[in-house]
Amino acid sequence: MTQPRILIVEDDSDISELLEAHFTTEKYDVLTAAWGAEALEIAREEHLDLALLDIRLPDISGYDVCRQLRLNRRTQDVPIVFLTEKRDRVDKLQGLELGVVDYITKPFDIQELRLRVRNALARANQRPYIHHTTELPEGMLVDERLMKTIYSDSAWSMVVFSLRGLDAFRERYGFVAGDDVLRAVALMLRNAVRELGSEDDFIGHLDNSLFVVITNKDNAEAIRERVQTKMHYSREFFYPLNDRVESAADGKLAENEMLTLVAAAVDHTSGPFADADAVRAAFTEALAQPASPASSADDQNVS
C-alpha cells in the first residue's frame, strides 16, 4: 500500500523537525518546506495527499499559499490543515472560506494532530463528494460546511433527518425503488428550503439515509415540520398499489414497518463544538431522544 504523502510547511525548524520525525515514524511519506514559494514549487512537482500549513511564513502567508493551491487543478482538492498561533475566529473563518479542512492552534498535542491528519485523509478518500442518487453534497463537502457554520456568529440551526426503514424497504422492493425514495426525500428537502429557507441554506448527506439541513434558527422548525408532514402523507405511494390495497385487510404494511422520517435539531446554543465529528455526535444524541407527540408529523393533524 502506498504511503500517504504529506507536505509540512513550517518555518520554525524545531517544530518542522518534530513533525517530520513523528509522521515519518507513523509511516507517512513526508516533504517539508520553510517558505511559501518553496511549498508551491514542491506542490507543482510532487503528488500530495495532504498539506500541513503554517499561516505565518517568511515570504508569503499561508492564506496565499492556500489560494494558489486551490487555483491549481493538480492541487485544488488536496486537504489542507492550518497549523498556527492565531486563535481569532475571523482567522478560522478566512481559512474555512478557502476550503481548509481543519485548524489547529499552537501549542498542540502531537497525538491529537496525528488523529486530525488521519481523519482528514480518510475524509478525502470518500469520493465522490456528491451522492450518486440524490446529487446532494456528502463526505468532505458536508464536513467543511459543518466547520464553517460552527465557527460563524450567526444564529444557525442544523436539522437532521433520519430515513428509517430504508434497508427493509430495499430488501422487499429492490434497490431501484429504494433510490426513488431517496430522490423523493431530497426533493422534499429542496422544496421546503426553497419555500421556507434562504439561498444560503445547505442540504447534504451525513450518510445514505441521513440528511442535514443547515439554516437560520428562525426557519428550522418550519422546514422540519413541512418535510416530515409531506413524507407522512406521501410515503404510502412508495409502495406498490397491491400492497396498499391489501394492507387494510391483512396488515401487510404495518405502521411500524413503514418508511419513517425522524428529525431532530442542533443549534448555535448547543455547542461549543470542536469539529465536524463533534457535531455528528450531537446529531446522533439528538436523534436518540424520544420524540414528543407535538413534534412528530405522524401524530399531527394537518388541514
Protein backbone atom coordinates (compact mmCIF):
# COMPACT_ATOMS: atom_id res chain seq x y z
CA MET A 1 0.00 0.00 0.00
CA THR A 2 1.34 3.46 -0.95
CA GLN A 3 2.27 5.68 1.96
CA PRO A 4 0.23 8.89 2.21
CA ARG A 5 2.41 11.84 1.24
CA ILE A 6 2.07 14.98 3.34
CA LEU A 7 3.75 18.35 2.92
CA ILE A 8 4.73 20.19 6.12
CA VAL A 9 5.12 23.94 5.58
CA GLU A 10 6.67 25.39 8.74
CA ASP A 11 9.49 27.95 9.15
CA ASP A 12 10.24 27.03 12.78
CA SER A 13 12.94 24.40 12.32
CA ASP A 14 12.34 22.78 15.71
CA ILE A 15 8.63 22.27 15.01
CA SER A 16 9.31 21.17 11.43
CA GLU A 17 11.83 18.54 12.53
CA LEU A 18 9.49 17.31 15.27
CA LEU A 19 6.61 16.90 12.83
CA GLU A 20 8.79 15.29 10.17
CA ALA A 21 10.18 12.74 12.63
CA HIS A 22 6.75 11.94 14.08
CA PHE A 23 4.92 11.46 10.78
CA THR A 24 7.82 9.51 9.27
CA THR A 25 7.60 7.14 12.24
CA GLU A 26 3.85 6.88 11.57
CA LYS A 27 4.68 5.60 8.04
CA TYR A 28 3.92 8.77 6.11
CA ASP A 29 6.00 9.97 3.19
CA VAL A 30 6.94 13.46 4.44
CA LEU A 31 8.07 16.51 2.46
CA THR A 32 8.98 19.80 4.17
CA ALA A 33 9.22 23.45 3.21
CA ALA A 34 10.10 26.53 5.25
CA TRP A 35 8.90 29.12 2.72
CA GLY A 36 5.59 29.55 0.91
CA ALA A 37 7.21 29.76 -2.52
CA GLU A 38 9.12 26.56 -1.82
CA ALA A 39 5.88 24.82 -0.83
CA LEU A 40 4.20 25.87 -4.09
CA GLU A 41 7.17 24.60 -6.11
CA ILE A 42 7.01 21.22 -4.37
CA ALA A 43 3.24 21.06 -4.96
CA ARG A 44 3.77 21.65 -8.68
CA GLU A 45 6.26 18.78 -8.93
CA GLU A 46 5.06 16.20 -6.40
CA HIS A 47 1.80 14.40 -5.71
CA LEU A 48 0.39 15.40 -2.31
CA ASP A 49 -2.27 13.73 -0.18
CA LEU A 50 -2.37 16.47 2.49
CA ALA A 51 -0.68 19.77 3.38
CA LEU A 52 0.02 20.83 6.96
CA LEU A 53 0.40 24.57 6.57
CA ASP A 54 1.56 27.29 8.96
CA ILE A 55 -0.08 30.69 8.37
CA ARG A 56 2.92 32.82 9.35
CA LEU A 57 5.68 32.23 6.81
CA PRO A 58 8.76 34.37 5.97
CA ASP A 59 7.74 35.30 2.41
CA ILE A 60 4.00 34.89 1.78
CA SER A 61 1.20 33.98 4.16
CA GLY A 62 -0.31 30.54 4.49
CA TYR A 63 -3.54 32.03 3.18
CA ASP A 64 -1.77 32.97 -0.07
CA VAL A 65 -0.25 29.51 -0.35
CA CYS A 66 -3.70 28.01 0.17
CA ARG A 67 -5.23 30.24 -2.51
CA GLN A 68 -2.57 29.21 -5.02
CA LEU A 69 -3.09 25.52 -4.24
CA ARG A 70 -6.83 25.89 -4.76
CA LEU A 71 -6.33 27.59 -8.13
CA ASN A 72 -4.20 24.74 -9.47
CA ARG A 73 -6.16 21.79 -10.84
CA ARG A 74 -3.42 19.42 -9.64
CA THR A 75 -3.79 20.55 -6.01
CA GLN A 76 -7.28 22.01 -5.80
CA ASP A 77 -8.64 19.03 -3.84
CA VAL A 78 -5.64 18.43 -1.55
CA PRO A 79 -6.83 18.60 2.10
CA ILE A 80 -5.18 21.49 3.94
CA VAL A 81 -4.80 21.67 7.72
CA PHE A 82 -3.76 25.05 9.12
CA LEU A 83 -1.22 24.99 11.95
CA THR A 84 -0.91 28.40 13.59
CA GLU A 85 -0.66 30.50 16.72
CA LYS A 86 -3.66 32.57 15.65
CA ARG A 87 -6.80 31.93 17.69
CA ASP A 88 -9.21 34.57 16.44
CA ARG A 89 -12.47 33.31 14.93
CA VAL A 90 -12.04 35.62 11.94
CA ASP A 91 -8.78 33.86 11.09
CA LYS A 92 -10.52 30.49 11.29
CA LEU A 93 -13.34 31.70 9.04
CA GLN A 94 -10.85 33.00 6.49
CA GLY A 95 -9.21 29.61 6.36
CA LEU A 96 -12.53 27.78 6.10
CA GLU A 97 -13.60 30.07 3.24
CA LEU A 98 -10.51 28.83 1.38
CA GLY A 99 -11.52 25.21 1.89
CA VAL A 100 -9.24 24.34 4.81
CA VAL A 101 -10.47 21.09 6.38
CA ASP A 102 -9.12 21.65 9.89
CA TYR A 103 -7.49 24.31 12.05
CA ILE A 104 -5.04 23.55 14.85
CA THR A 105 -3.51 26.16 17.14
CA LYS A 106 -0.12 26.08 18.84
CA PRO A 107 0.87 24.72 21.26
CA PHE A 108 -0.64 21.46 20.08
CA ASP A 109 -0.83 17.87 21.27
CA ILE A 110 1.10 15.75 18.77
CA GLN A 111 -1.25 12.79 19.20
CA GLU A 112 -4.30 14.97 18.56
CA LEU A 113 -2.60 16.37 15.47
CA ARG A 114 -1.87 12.84 14.25
CA LEU A 115 -5.54 11.87 14.63
CA ARG A 116 -6.74 15.00 12.87
CA VAL A 117 -4.40 14.37 9.96
CA ARG A 118 -5.55 10.75 9.76
CA ASN A 119 -9.21 11.78 9.82
CA ALA A 120 -8.67 14.45 7.17
CA LEU A 121 -7.02 11.88 4.88
CA ALA A 122 -9.85 9.40 5.49
CA ARG A 123 -12.48 12.00 4.60
CA ALA A 124 -10.53 12.97 1.49
CA ASN A 125 -10.73 9.38 0.26
CA GLN A 126 -14.53 9.38 0.48
CA ARG A 127 -15.06 10.20 -3.19
CA PRO A 128 -17.12 11.29 -4.94
CA TYR A 129 -18.43 14.10 -2.76
CA ILE A 130 -21.84 14.18 -4.46
CA HIS A 131 -24.33 11.43 -3.68
CA HIS A 132 -24.86 9.36 -6.82
CA THR A 133 -28.65 9.14 -6.36
CA THR A 134 -29.77 12.46 -4.87
CA GLU A 135 -26.93 14.64 -6.21
CA LEU A 136 -26.65 16.25 -2.78
CA PRO A 137 -23.24 17.00 -1.23
CA GLU A 138 -21.73 14.39 1.08
CA GLY A 139 -18.43 13.49 2.75
CA MET A 140 -15.85 16.25 2.98
CA LEU A 141 -18.15 18.86 1.42
CA VAL A 142 -20.60 18.40 4.29
CA ASP A 143 -17.86 18.41 6.93
CA GLU A 144 -16.45 21.65 5.51
CA ARG A 145 -19.88 23.28 5.72
CA LEU A 146 -20.36 22.00 9.28
CA MET A 147 -17.00 23.52 10.25
CA LYS A 148 -17.79 26.83 8.58
CA THR A 149 -21.14 27.00 10.36
CA ILE A 150 -19.96 26.24 13.88
CA TYR A 151 -17.31 28.97 13.64
CA SER A 152 -19.79 31.60 12.43
CA ASP A 153 -21.54 34.19 14.60
CA SER A 154 -24.99 33.57 13.09
CA ALA A 155 -28.00 32.07 14.87
CA TRP A 156 -27.76 28.83 12.90
CA SER A 157 -29.68 25.60 13.24
CA MET A 158 -29.00 22.19 11.74
CA VAL A 159 -31.97 19.88 11.23
CA VAL A 160 -31.02 16.24 10.76
CA PHE A 161 -33.48 13.84 9.09
CA SER A 162 -33.13 10.08 9.52
CA LEU A 163 -34.94 7.93 6.93
CA ARG A 164 -35.74 4.80 8.86
CA GLY A 165 -36.84 1.53 7.32
CA LEU A 166 -34.97 2.04 4.04
CA ASP A 167 -32.93 -1.18 4.29
CA ALA A 168 -36.06 -3.28 4.88
CA PHE A 169 -37.83 -1.44 2.05
CA ARG A 170 -34.98 -2.19 -0.35
CA GLU A 171 -34.92 -5.83 0.69
CA ARG A 172 -38.57 -6.15 -0.19
CA TYR A 173 -38.91 -3.93 -3.26
CA GLY A 174 -35.39 -3.65 -4.67
CA PHE A 175 -32.70 -1.00 -4.98
CA VAL A 176 -34.41 0.93 -7.77
CA ALA A 177 -37.44 1.53 -5.56
CA GLY A 178 -35.13 2.48 -2.68
CA ASP A 179 -33.35 5.03 -4.84
CA ASP A 180 -36.72 6.50 -5.82
CA VAL A 181 -37.44 7.07 -2.12
CA LEU A 182 -34.11 8.84 -1.61
CA ARG A 183 -34.74 11.09 -4.60
CA ALA A 184 -38.22 11.90 -3.30
CA VAL A 185 -36.92 12.85 0.15
CA ALA A 186 -34.21 15.01 -1.43
CA LEU A 187 -36.89 16.78 -3.47
CA MET A 188 -38.98 17.37 -0.33
CA LEU A 189 -35.96 18.92 1.36
CA ARG A 190 -35.13 21.13 -1.63
CA ASN A 191 -38.73 22.34 -1.94
CA ALA A 192 -39.03 23.09 1.79
CA VAL A 193 -35.75 25.03 1.85
CA ARG A 194 -36.68 26.94 -1.29
CA GLU A 195 -40.07 27.95 0.12
CA LEU A 196 -39.21 28.46 3.79
CA GLY A 197 -35.46 28.99 3.96
CA SER A 198 -32.93 31.23 2.25
CA GLU A 199 -30.46 30.98 -0.62
CA ASP A 200 -27.62 30.49 1.87
CA ASP A 201 -29.14 27.31 3.33
CA PHE A 202 -27.41 23.98 2.78
CA ILE A 203 -28.68 20.42 2.25
CA GLY A 204 -26.41 17.38 2.40
CA HIS A 205 -25.97 13.71 3.27
CA LEU A 206 -24.41 12.58 6.54
CA ASP A 207 -24.77 9.03 5.28
CA ASN A 208 -27.01 7.28 2.77
CA SER A 209 -30.23 7.61 4.79
CA LEU A 210 -29.26 10.59 6.96
CA PHE A 211 -29.76 14.14 5.70
CA VAL A 212 -28.92 17.53 7.19
CA VAL A 213 -30.35 20.97 6.50
CA ILE A 214 -28.32 23.96 7.72
CA THR A 215 -30.46 27.05 8.01
CA ASN A 216 -31.30 30.03 10.19
CA LYS A 217 -32.72 29.15 13.61
CA ASP A 218 -35.93 31.05 12.80
CA ASN A 219 -36.64 28.82 9.78
CA ALA A 220 -35.61 25.44 11.14
CA GLU A 221 -38.88 24.38 12.76
CA ALA A 222 -40.98 25.31 9.74
CA ILE A 223 -38.68 23.34 7.42
CA ARG A 224 -38.71 20.33 9.73
CA GLU A 225 -42.49 20.32 10.01
CA ARG A 226 -43.04 20.78 6.26
CA VAL A 227 -40.72 17.91 5.31
CA GLN A 228 -41.99 15.46 7.93
CA THR A 229 -45.62 16.24 7.12
CA LYS A 230 -45.01 15.81 3.38
CA MET A 231 -43.26 12.49 4.00
CA HIS A 232 -46.03 11.23 6.27
CA TYR A 233 -48.77 11.86 3.72
CA SER A 234 -46.72 10.70 0.70
CA ARG A 235 -44.99 7.58 1.94
CA GLU A 236 -47.79 5.12 1.12
CA PHE A 237 -47.30 5.94 -2.57
CA PHE A 238 -43.79 4.49 -2.42
CA TYR A 239 -45.40 1.07 -2.01
CA PRO A 240 -46.96 -0.96 -4.86
CA LEU A 241 -50.71 -0.48 -5.30
CA ASN A 242 -51.47 -4.13 -4.49
CA ASP A 243 -49.71 -3.86 -1.15
CA ARG A 244 -51.60 -0.65 -0.35
CA VAL A 245 -54.95 -2.22 -1.20
CA GLU A 246 -54.24 -5.41 0.75
CA SER A 247 -52.71 -3.58 3.69
CA ALA A 248 -56.00 -2.75 5.39
CA ALA A 249 -57.11 -6.37 5.14
CA ASP A 250 -54.08 -8.33 6.29
CA GLY A 251 -51.73 -5.80 7.88
CA LYS A 252 -49.15 -6.33 5.16
CA LEU A 253 -47.84 -2.78 5.64
CA ALA A 254 -47.87 -2.46 9.39
CA GLU A 255 -47.36 1.10 10.64
CA ASN A 256 -44.18 0.23 12.50
CA GLU A 257 -42.69 -1.34 9.35
CA MET A 258 -43.30 1.59 7.02
CA LEU A 259 -40.75 4.19 6.00
CA THR A 260 -40.46 6.95 8.58
CA LEU A 261 -38.60 10.26 8.54
CA VAL A 262 -37.43 11.17 12.04
CA ALA A 263 -35.99 14.64 12.67
CA ALA A 264 -34.01 16.43 15.36
CA ALA A 265 -32.24 19.78 15.59
CA VAL A 266 -28.94 21.10 16.90
CA ASP A 267 -28.41 24.87 17.02
CA HIS A 268 -25.84 27.52 17.92
CA THR A 269 -26.74 27.27 21.61
CA SER A 270 -25.88 23.56 21.73
CA GLY A 271 -22.09 23.97 21.46
CA PRO A 272 -19.36 24.81 21.52
CA PHE A 273 -18.23 22.16 19.03
CA ALA A 274 -14.57 21.39 18.40
CA ASP A 275 -15.01 19.94 14.91
CA ALA A 276 -17.37 18.23 12.47
CA ASP A 277 -17.13 14.92 14.36
CA ALA A 278 -18.47 16.64 17.49
CA VAL A 279 -21.46 17.94 15.52
CA ARG A 280 -22.14 14.47 14.13
CA ALA A 281 -22.06 13.08 17.68
CA ALA A 282 -24.60 15.71 18.70
CA PHE A 283 -26.85 14.62 15.82
CA THR A 284 -26.69 11.01 17.00
CA GLU A 285 -27.59 12.02 20.54
CA ALA A 286 -30.44 14.27 19.40
CA LEU A 287 -31.96 11.54 17.22
CA ALA A 288 -31.79 9.10 20.14
CA GLN A 289 -34.09 11.30 22.21
CA PRO A 290 -37.76 10.22 22.20
CA ALA A 291 -39.88 12.48 20.04
CA SER A 292 -42.78 14.21 21.73
CA PRO A 293 -46.21 13.89 20.09
CA ALA A 294 -46.27 17.62 19.40
CA SER A 295 -43.08 17.41 17.35
CA SER A 296 -43.90 14.28 15.36
CA ALA A 297 -45.59 14.62 11.98
CA ASP A 298 -47.09 11.15 12.44
CA ASP A 299 -49.15 12.46 15.37
CA GLN A 300 -50.21 15.77 13.87
CA ASN A 301 -53.43 16.59 12.06
CA VAL A 302 -52.71 18.80 9.08
CA SER A 303 -55.51 20.67 7.43
